[in-house]
Amino acid sequence: MNRVKGILFVFAGLFVLITVISLLMPSDSVVIRSLLINADKKEILRNVSDLKQWHNWHPVFATDGTFITYCDSPIRHESACCNIRYKDKAVHVEVLSADSS
């Protein structure tokens, strides 16, 4: 009987410990990374908004084995998109202009 009480006491202690630790953890976590880019704002915006320029700075586009297809918008300058396939993952990226809704 003492053995059962000991096992129950250990499980109750672990339950309380896990509960206390989970209450102390933040509910949201945020990771912020910043980088100072020594360039004109217009140049940065041009490179970020043009999907065909992403290979110059985005690591996914620079990785070997990445298959990228670009699709042009039926309405010029409305939006641009591309499909990225790397290993077993696929991503669809679409960039909308400020005028599109």
C-alpha atoms as a PDB file:
ATOM      1  CA  MET A   1       0.000   0.000   0.000  1.00  0.00           C
ATOM      2  CA  ASN A   2       2.890   2.371   0.759  1.00  0.00           C
ATOM      3  CA  ARG A   3       4.271   1.666  -2.700  1.00  0.00           C
ATOM      4  CA  VAL A   4       0.995   2.656  -4.383  1.00  0.00           C
ATOM      5  CA  LYS A   5       0.848   5.842  -2.300  1.00  0.00           C
ATOM      6  CA  GLY A   6       4.412   6.657  -3.327  1.00  0.00           C
ATOM      7  CA  ILE A   7       3.652   6.152  -7.024  1.00  0.00           C
ATOM      8  CA  LEU A   8       0.501   8.294  -6.744  1.00  0.00           C
ATOM      9  CA  PHE A   9       2.483  10.970  -4.901  1.00  0.00           C
ATOM     10  CA  VAL A  10       5.108  11.025  -7.674  1.00  0.00           C
ATOM     11  CA  PHE A  11       2.452  11.310 -10.397  1.00  0.00           C
ATOM     12  CA  ALA A  12       0.652  14.064  -8.475  1.00  0.00           C
ATOM     13  CA  GLY A  13       3.962  15.908  -8.043  1.00  0.00           C
ATOM     14  CA  LEU A  14       4.752  15.622 -11.765  1.00  0.00           C
ATOM     15  CA  PHE A  15       1.254  16.865 -12.621  1.00  0.00           C
ATOM     16  CA  VAL A  16       1.660  19.889 -10.340  1.00  0.00           C
ATOM     17  CA  LEU A  17       5.160  20.592 -11.701  1.00  0.00           C
ATOM     18  CA  ILE A  18       4.016  20.441 -15.337  1.00  0.00           C
ATOM     19  CA  THR A  19       0.991  22.626 -14.530  1.00  0.00           C
ATOM     20  CA  VAL A  20       3.131  25.264 -12.804  1.00  0.00           C
ATOM     21  CA  ILE A  21       5.666  25.304 -15.659  1.00  0.00           C
ATOM     22  CA  SER A  22       2.911  25.632 -18.266  1.00  0.00           C
ATOM     23  CA  LEU A  23       1.346  28.529 -16.360  1.00  0.00           C
ATOM     24  CA  LEU A  24       4.676  30.365 -16.302  1.00  0.00           C
ATOM     25  CA  MET A  25       5.239  30.018 -20.048  1.00  0.00           C
ATOM     26  CA  PRO A  26       4.038  32.878 -22.257  1.00  0.00           C
ATOM     27  CA  SER A  27       0.987  32.129 -24.371  1.00  0.00           C
ATOM     28  CA  ASP A  28       2.459  33.872 -27.411  1.00  0.00           C
ATOM     29  CA  SER A  29       5.995  33.919 -28.635  1.00  0.00           C
ATOM     30  CA  VAL A  30       7.341  36.413 -31.124  1.00  0.00           C
ATOM     31  CA  VAL A  31      10.633  36.271 -32.984  1.00  0.00           C
ATOM     32  CA  ILE A  32      11.840  39.532 -34.434  1.00  0.00           C
ATOM     33  CA  ARG A  33      14.872  39.748 -36.635  1.00  0.00           C
ATOM     34  CA  SER A  34      16.037  43.007 -38.063  1.00  0.00           C
ATOM     35  CA  LEU A  35      18.690  43.886 -40.554  1.00  0.00           C
ATOM     36  CA  LEU A  36      19.958  47.272 -41.621  1.00  0.00           C
ATOM     37  CA  ILE A  37      19.994  47.527 -45.401  1.00  0.00           C
ATOM     38  CA  ASN A  38      22.097  50.306 -46.822  1.00  0.00           C
ATOM     39  CA  ALA A  39      19.946  51.073 -49.860  1.00  0.00           C
ATOM     40  CA  ASP A  40      17.232  53.385 -51.059  1.00  0.00           C
ATOM     41  CA  LYS A  41      13.664  52.524 -49.990  1.00  0.00           C
ATOM     42  CA  LYS A  42      12.477  52.488 -53.601  1.00  0.00           C
ATOM     43  CA  GLU A  43      15.206  50.012 -54.574  1.00  0.00           C
ATOM     44  CA  ILE A  44      14.296  47.725 -51.682  1.00  0.00           C
ATOM     45  CA  LEU A  45      10.586  47.892 -52.503  1.00  0.00           C
ATOM     46  CA  ARG A  46      11.319  47.152 -56.157  1.00  0.00           C
ATOM     47  CA  ASN A  47      13.332  44.039 -55.258  1.00  0.00           C
ATOM     48  CA  VAL A  48      10.817  42.798 -52.703  1.00  0.00           C
ATOM     49  CA  SER A  49       7.733  43.370 -54.840  1.00  0.00           C
ATOM     50  CA  ASP A  50       9.198  41.784 -57.985  1.00  0.00           C
ATOM     51  CA  LEU A  51       9.149  38.001 -57.570  1.00  0.00           C
ATOM     52  CA  LYS A  52      11.735  37.541 -60.304  1.00  0.00           C
ATOM     53  CA  GLN A  53      14.238  39.501 -58.174  1.00  0.00           C
ATOM     54  CA  TRP A  54      13.768  37.301 -55.090  1.00  0.00           C
ATOM     55  CA  HIS A  55      16.556  34.950 -56.210  1.00  0.00           C
ATOM     56  CA  ASN A  56      18.986  37.793 -55.444  1.00  0.00           C
ATOM     57  CA  TRP A  57      18.173  37.882 -51.735  1.00  0.00           C
ATOM     58  CA  HIS A  58      15.766  35.142 -50.581  1.00  0.00           C
ATOM     59  CA  PRO A  59      17.468  31.919 -49.396  1.00  0.00           C
ATOM     60  CA  VAL A  60      14.740  29.560 -50.689  1.00  0.00           C
ATOM     61  CA  PHE A  61      15.208  30.815 -54.234  1.00  0.00           C
ATOM     62  CA  ALA A  62      18.985  30.414 -54.016  1.00  0.00           C
ATOM     63  CA  THR A  63      18.832  26.779 -52.861  1.00  0.00           C
ATOM     64  CA  ASP A  64      19.833  24.053 -55.300  1.00  0.00           C
ATOM     65  CA  GLY A  65      16.976  21.756 -56.195  1.00  0.00           C
ATOM     66  CA  THR A  66      14.319  24.452 -55.967  1.00  0.00           C
ATOM     67  CA  PHE A  67      11.868  24.415 -58.869  1.00  0.00           C
ATOM     68  CA  ILE A  68      10.189  27.783 -59.475  1.00  0.00           C
ATOM     69  CA  THR A  69       7.481  28.626 -61.989  1.00  0.00           C
ATOM     70  CA  TYR A  70       6.237  32.170 -62.474  1.00  0.00           C
ATOM     71  CA  CYS A  71       2.731  33.027 -63.535  1.00  0.00           C
ATOM     72  CA  ASP A  72       1.907  36.414 -64.973  1.00  0.00           C
ATOM     73  CA  SER A  73      -1.248  38.237 -64.054  1.00  0.00           C
ATOM     74  CA  PRO A  74      -3.905  38.511 -66.756  1.00  0.00           C
ATOM     75  CA  ILE A  75      -4.052  42.210 -65.906  1.00  0.00           C
ATOM     76  CA  ARG A  76      -0.584  43.705 -66.190  1.00  0.00           C
ATOM     77  CA  HIS A  77       0.915  45.114 -62.961  1.00  0.00           C
ATOM     78  CA  GLU A  78      -2.088  43.849 -60.975  1.00  0.00           C
ATOM     79  CA  SER A  79      -0.376  40.951 -59.252  1.00  0.00           C
ATOM     80  CA  ALA A  80       2.335  38.371 -59.713  1.00  0.00           C
ATOM     81  CA  CYS A  81       2.677  34.853 -58.434  1.00  0.00           C
ATOM     82  CA  CYS A  82       5.044  31.944 -58.418  1.00  0.00           C
ATOM     83  CA  ASN A  83       4.975  28.331 -57.353  1.00  0.00           C
ATOM     84  CA  ILE A  84       7.962  27.020 -55.447  1.00  0.00           C
ATOM     85  CA  ARG A  85       8.708  23.336 -55.020  1.00  0.00           C
ATOM     86  CA  TYR A  86      11.599  22.242 -52.839  1.00  0.00           C
ATOM     87  CA  LYS A  87      11.951  18.580 -51.903  1.00  0.00           C
ATOM     88  CA  ASP A  88       8.484  17.520 -50.723  1.00  0.00           C
ATOM     89  CA  LYS A  89       7.177  21.011 -49.925  1.00  0.00           C
ATOM     90  CA  ALA A  90       5.230  23.323 -52.208  1.00  0.00           C
ATOM     91  CA  VAL A  91       4.519  27.013 -51.718  1.00  0.00           C
ATOM     92  CA  HIS A  92       2.420  29.445 -53.725  1.00  0.00           C
ATOM     93  CA  VAL A  93       3.526  33.072 -53.411  1.00  0.00           C
ATOM     94  CA  GLU A  94       1.329  35.889 -54.675  1.00  0.00           C
ATOM     95  CA  VAL A  95       2.228  39.548 -54.575  1.00  0.00           C
ATOM     96  CA  LEU A  96      -0.624  42.000 -54.990  1.00  0.00           C
ATOM     97  CA  SER A  97      -0.193  45.605 -55.945  1.00  0.00           C
ATOM     98  CA  ALA A  98      -1.533  48.334 -53.694  1.00  0.00           C
ATOM     99  CA  ASP A  99      -4.333  48.987 -56.198  1.00  0.00           C
ATOM    100  CA  SER A 100      -5.674  45.418 -56.271  1.00  0.00           C
ATOM    101  CA  SER A 101      -8.248  44.233 -53.799  1.00  0.00           C
END
